[in-house]
Amino acid sequence: MSEVRSIEDMPVEVDFSGSAPNPYIGKVRRRVTINIDSETIDYFKAEAARTGVPYQTIINMYLNQCRIEKKRLTFA
């Protein structure tokens, strides 16, 4: 169990000169609800099991890649 500390134990100044900037600043995420067929979800969950990356993150990465590459849908 960790020791409970008071505000008096805090340093007066903290040196952040060696810290790195936050890479997630400006990358705001928005929660959405979408309907995705079971086979597609199963595919991304299998990729998640293979890579160790959460399937929602993989879906976001794929959609972001489509956006960057300006992919367009084709309808058959």
N, C-alpha and C. Protein backbone atom coordinates (compact mmCIF):
# COMPACT_ATOMS: atom_id res chain seq x y z
N MET A 1 0.85 -1.18 0.00
CA MET A 1 0.00 0.00 0.00
C MET A 1 0.89 1.24 0.00
N SER A 2 0.52 2.24 -0.82
CA SER A 2 1.35 3.44 -0.90
C SER A 2 1.06 4.38 0.26
N GLU A 3 2.05 5.17 0.57
CA GLU A 3 1.95 6.11 1.68
C GLU A 3 1.14 7.33 1.26
N VAL A 4 0.24 7.77 2.10
CA VAL A 4 -0.55 8.96 1.83
C VAL A 4 0.32 10.17 2.09
N ARG A 5 0.35 11.08 1.13
CA ARG A 5 1.17 12.29 1.28
C ARG A 5 0.29 13.52 1.27
N SER A 6 0.80 14.58 1.86
CA SER A 6 0.06 15.83 1.88
C SER A 6 0.64 16.79 0.86
N ILE A 7 -0.04 17.88 0.64
CA ILE A 7 0.42 18.88 -0.33
C ILE A 7 1.74 19.51 0.11
N GLU A 8 2.00 19.48 1.40
CA GLU A 8 3.26 20.02 1.89
C GLU A 8 4.46 19.20 1.40
N ASP A 9 4.23 17.93 1.03
CA ASP A 9 5.30 17.08 0.54
C ASP A 9 5.65 17.36 -0.93
N MET A 10 4.82 18.15 -1.61
CA MET A 10 5.05 18.45 -3.02
C MET A 10 6.20 19.45 -3.16
N PRO A 11 7.01 19.30 -4.20
CA PRO A 11 8.08 20.28 -4.41
C PRO A 11 7.49 21.64 -4.80
N VAL A 12 8.21 22.70 -4.44
CA VAL A 12 7.74 24.05 -4.75
C VAL A 12 7.75 24.26 -6.26
N GLU A 13 8.81 23.77 -6.93
CA GLU A 13 8.91 23.89 -8.38
C GLU A 13 9.23 22.53 -8.97
N VAL A 14 8.72 22.29 -10.17
CA VAL A 14 8.99 21.05 -10.88
C VAL A 14 9.66 21.41 -12.19
N ASP A 15 10.77 20.74 -12.50
CA ASP A 15 11.51 21.02 -13.74
C ASP A 15 10.98 20.14 -14.87
N PHE A 16 10.32 20.75 -15.83
CA PHE A 16 9.79 20.03 -16.98
C PHE A 16 10.66 20.26 -18.23
N SER A 17 11.84 20.81 -18.07
CA SER A 17 12.67 21.15 -19.23
C SER A 17 13.09 19.93 -20.04
N GLY A 18 13.16 18.76 -19.43
CA GLY A 18 13.55 17.56 -20.16
C GLY A 18 12.38 16.74 -20.67
N SER A 19 11.17 17.25 -20.51
CA SER A 19 10.00 16.48 -20.91
C SER A 19 9.71 16.65 -22.40
N ALA A 20 9.03 15.67 -22.96
CA ALA A 20 8.66 15.71 -24.37
C ALA A 20 7.24 16.26 -24.51
N PRO A 21 6.95 16.92 -25.63
CA PRO A 21 5.58 17.39 -25.83
C PRO A 21 4.61 16.22 -25.98
N ASN A 22 3.38 16.44 -25.59
CA ASN A 22 2.35 15.42 -25.68
C ASN A 22 1.98 15.20 -27.15
N PRO A 23 2.20 13.98 -27.69
CA PRO A 23 1.90 13.74 -29.11
C PRO A 23 0.41 13.65 -29.40
N TYR A 24 -0.43 13.58 -28.36
CA TYR A 24 -1.87 13.42 -28.56
C TYR A 24 -2.64 14.73 -28.52
N ILE A 25 -1.94 15.84 -28.27
CA ILE A 25 -2.60 17.14 -28.27
C ILE A 25 -3.16 17.40 -29.66
N GLY A 26 -4.38 17.80 -29.75
CA GLY A 26 -5.00 18.10 -31.04
C GLY A 26 -5.64 16.89 -31.71
N LYS A 27 -5.47 15.71 -31.14
CA LYS A 27 -6.06 14.51 -31.72
C LYS A 27 -7.28 14.12 -30.89
N VAL A 28 -8.29 14.96 -30.94
CA VAL A 28 -9.49 14.74 -30.16
C VAL A 28 -10.29 13.61 -30.80
N ARG A 29 -10.76 12.71 -29.99
CA ARG A 29 -11.58 11.61 -30.48
C ARG A 29 -13.03 11.87 -30.12
N ARG A 30 -13.91 11.39 -30.98
CA ARG A 30 -15.33 11.54 -30.78
C ARG A 30 -15.97 10.17 -30.75
N ARG A 31 -16.80 9.93 -29.76
CA ARG A 31 -17.50 8.64 -29.65
C ARG A 31 -18.65 8.64 -30.64
N VAL A 32 -18.72 7.57 -31.45
CA VAL A 32 -19.81 7.41 -32.41
C VAL A 32 -20.38 6.00 -32.30
N THR A 33 -21.57 5.84 -32.79
CA THR A 33 -22.19 4.53 -32.85
C THR A 33 -22.42 4.21 -34.32
N ILE A 34 -21.89 3.06 -34.78
CA ILE A 34 -22.10 2.65 -36.16
C ILE A 34 -22.48 1.18 -36.18
N ASN A 35 -23.17 0.78 -37.21
CA ASN A 35 -23.54 -0.62 -37.40
C ASN A 35 -22.53 -1.25 -38.35
N ILE A 36 -21.85 -2.28 -37.89
CA ILE A 36 -20.85 -2.99 -38.69
C ILE A 36 -21.22 -4.47 -38.67
N ASP A 37 -21.15 -5.11 -39.83
CA ASP A 37 -21.55 -6.52 -39.89
C ASP A 37 -20.59 -7.40 -39.08
N SER A 38 -21.09 -8.54 -38.65
CA SER A 38 -20.35 -9.45 -37.77
C SER A 38 -19.04 -9.93 -38.37
N GLU A 39 -19.04 -10.23 -39.67
CA GLU A 39 -17.82 -10.73 -40.31
C GLU A 39 -16.70 -9.69 -40.27
N THR A 40 -17.07 -8.42 -40.44
CA THR A 40 -16.08 -7.35 -40.39
C THR A 40 -15.52 -7.19 -38.99
N ILE A 41 -16.40 -7.21 -38.00
CA ILE A 41 -15.94 -7.12 -36.60
C ILE A 41 -15.04 -8.31 -36.26
N ASP A 42 -15.42 -9.50 -36.69
CA ASP A 42 -14.60 -10.70 -36.44
C ASP A 42 -13.22 -10.55 -37.06
N TYR A 43 -13.16 -9.99 -38.26
CA TYR A 43 -11.88 -9.76 -38.93
C TYR A 43 -10.99 -8.85 -38.08
N PHE A 44 -11.54 -7.71 -37.64
CA PHE A 44 -10.74 -6.76 -36.87
C PHE A 44 -10.40 -7.31 -35.48
N LYS A 45 -11.27 -8.12 -34.90
CA LYS A 45 -10.94 -8.75 -33.61
C LYS A 45 -9.82 -9.77 -33.77
N ALA A 46 -9.81 -10.49 -34.91
CA ALA A 46 -8.71 -11.43 -35.17
C ALA A 46 -7.40 -10.67 -35.35
N GLU A 47 -7.46 -9.52 -36.03
CA GLU A 47 -6.26 -8.68 -36.18
C GLU A 47 -5.80 -8.17 -34.81
N ALA A 48 -6.75 -7.86 -33.95
CA ALA A 48 -6.41 -7.40 -32.60
C ALA A 48 -5.71 -8.51 -31.82
N ALA A 49 -6.22 -9.74 -31.94
CA ALA A 49 -5.59 -10.87 -31.25
C ALA A 49 -4.19 -11.12 -31.79
N ARG A 50 -4.01 -10.95 -33.10
CA ARG A 50 -2.71 -11.18 -33.73
C ARG A 50 -1.69 -10.11 -33.34
N THR A 51 -2.14 -8.86 -33.25
CA THR A 51 -1.23 -7.74 -33.04
C THR A 51 -1.13 -7.27 -31.60
N GLY A 52 -2.16 -7.57 -30.80
CA GLY A 52 -2.18 -7.06 -29.43
C GLY A 52 -2.71 -5.63 -29.34
N VAL A 53 -3.23 -5.10 -30.46
CA VAL A 53 -3.79 -3.75 -30.50
C VAL A 53 -5.31 -3.87 -30.43
N PRO A 54 -6.00 -3.08 -29.61
CA PRO A 54 -7.46 -3.18 -29.54
C PRO A 54 -8.11 -3.01 -30.90
N TYR A 55 -9.17 -3.79 -31.14
CA TYR A 55 -9.78 -3.77 -32.48
C TYR A 55 -10.35 -2.40 -32.84
N GLN A 56 -10.85 -1.64 -31.86
CA GLN A 56 -11.36 -0.31 -32.15
C GLN A 56 -10.24 0.59 -32.66
N THR A 57 -9.05 0.44 -32.08
CA THR A 57 -7.89 1.22 -32.51
C THR A 57 -7.50 0.84 -33.93
N ILE A 58 -7.55 -0.45 -34.25
CA ILE A 58 -7.20 -0.90 -35.60
C ILE A 58 -8.20 -0.34 -36.62
N ILE A 59 -9.48 -0.35 -36.28
CA ILE A 59 -10.48 0.21 -37.19
C ILE A 59 -10.20 1.69 -37.39
N ASN A 60 -9.90 2.41 -36.32
CA ASN A 60 -9.58 3.84 -36.43
C ASN A 60 -8.34 4.05 -37.30
N MET A 61 -7.32 3.21 -37.11
CA MET A 61 -6.10 3.34 -37.91
C MET A 61 -6.40 3.11 -39.39
N TYR A 62 -7.23 2.13 -39.69
CA TYR A 62 -7.57 1.83 -41.08
C TYR A 62 -8.36 2.98 -41.71
N LEU A 63 -9.35 3.49 -40.98
CA LEU A 63 -10.13 4.61 -41.50
C LEU A 63 -9.25 5.85 -41.70
N ASN A 64 -8.33 6.08 -40.78
CA ASN A 64 -7.41 7.20 -40.92
C ASN A 64 -6.52 7.03 -42.14
N GLN A 65 -6.05 5.82 -42.38
CA GLN A 65 -5.24 5.54 -43.57
C GLN A 65 -6.05 5.82 -44.84
N CYS A 66 -7.30 5.42 -44.86
CA CYS A 66 -8.17 5.70 -46.01
C CYS A 66 -8.29 7.20 -46.23
N ARG A 67 -8.44 7.95 -45.15
CA ARG A 67 -8.56 9.41 -45.24
C ARG A 67 -7.28 10.02 -45.80
N ILE A 68 -6.13 9.60 -45.27
CA ILE A 68 -4.84 10.15 -45.70
C ILE A 68 -4.58 9.85 -47.18
N GLU A 69 -4.90 8.62 -47.59
CA GLU A 69 -4.67 8.20 -48.98
C GLU A 69 -5.80 8.63 -49.91
N LYS A 70 -6.80 9.33 -49.36
CA LYS A 70 -7.95 9.81 -50.12
C LYS A 70 -8.60 8.69 -50.94
N LYS A 71 -8.77 7.55 -50.30
CA LYS A 71 -9.40 6.41 -50.96
C LYS A 71 -10.86 6.73 -51.24
N ARG A 72 -11.37 6.25 -52.34
CA ARG A 72 -12.76 6.43 -52.73
C ARG A 72 -13.43 5.07 -52.86
N LEU A 73 -14.70 5.00 -52.49
CA LEU A 73 -15.45 3.75 -52.59
C LEU A 73 -15.76 3.43 -54.05
N THR A 74 -15.73 2.16 -54.35
CA THR A 74 -16.21 1.70 -55.66
C THR A 74 -17.39 0.78 -55.40
N PHE A 75 -18.40 0.95 -56.19
CA PHE A 75 -19.61 0.14 -56.04
C PHE A 75 -19.70 -0.81 -57.20
N ALA A 76 -19.85 -2.10 -56.89
CA ALA A 76 -19.95 -3.10 -57.96
C ALA A 76 -21.38 -3.48 -58.21
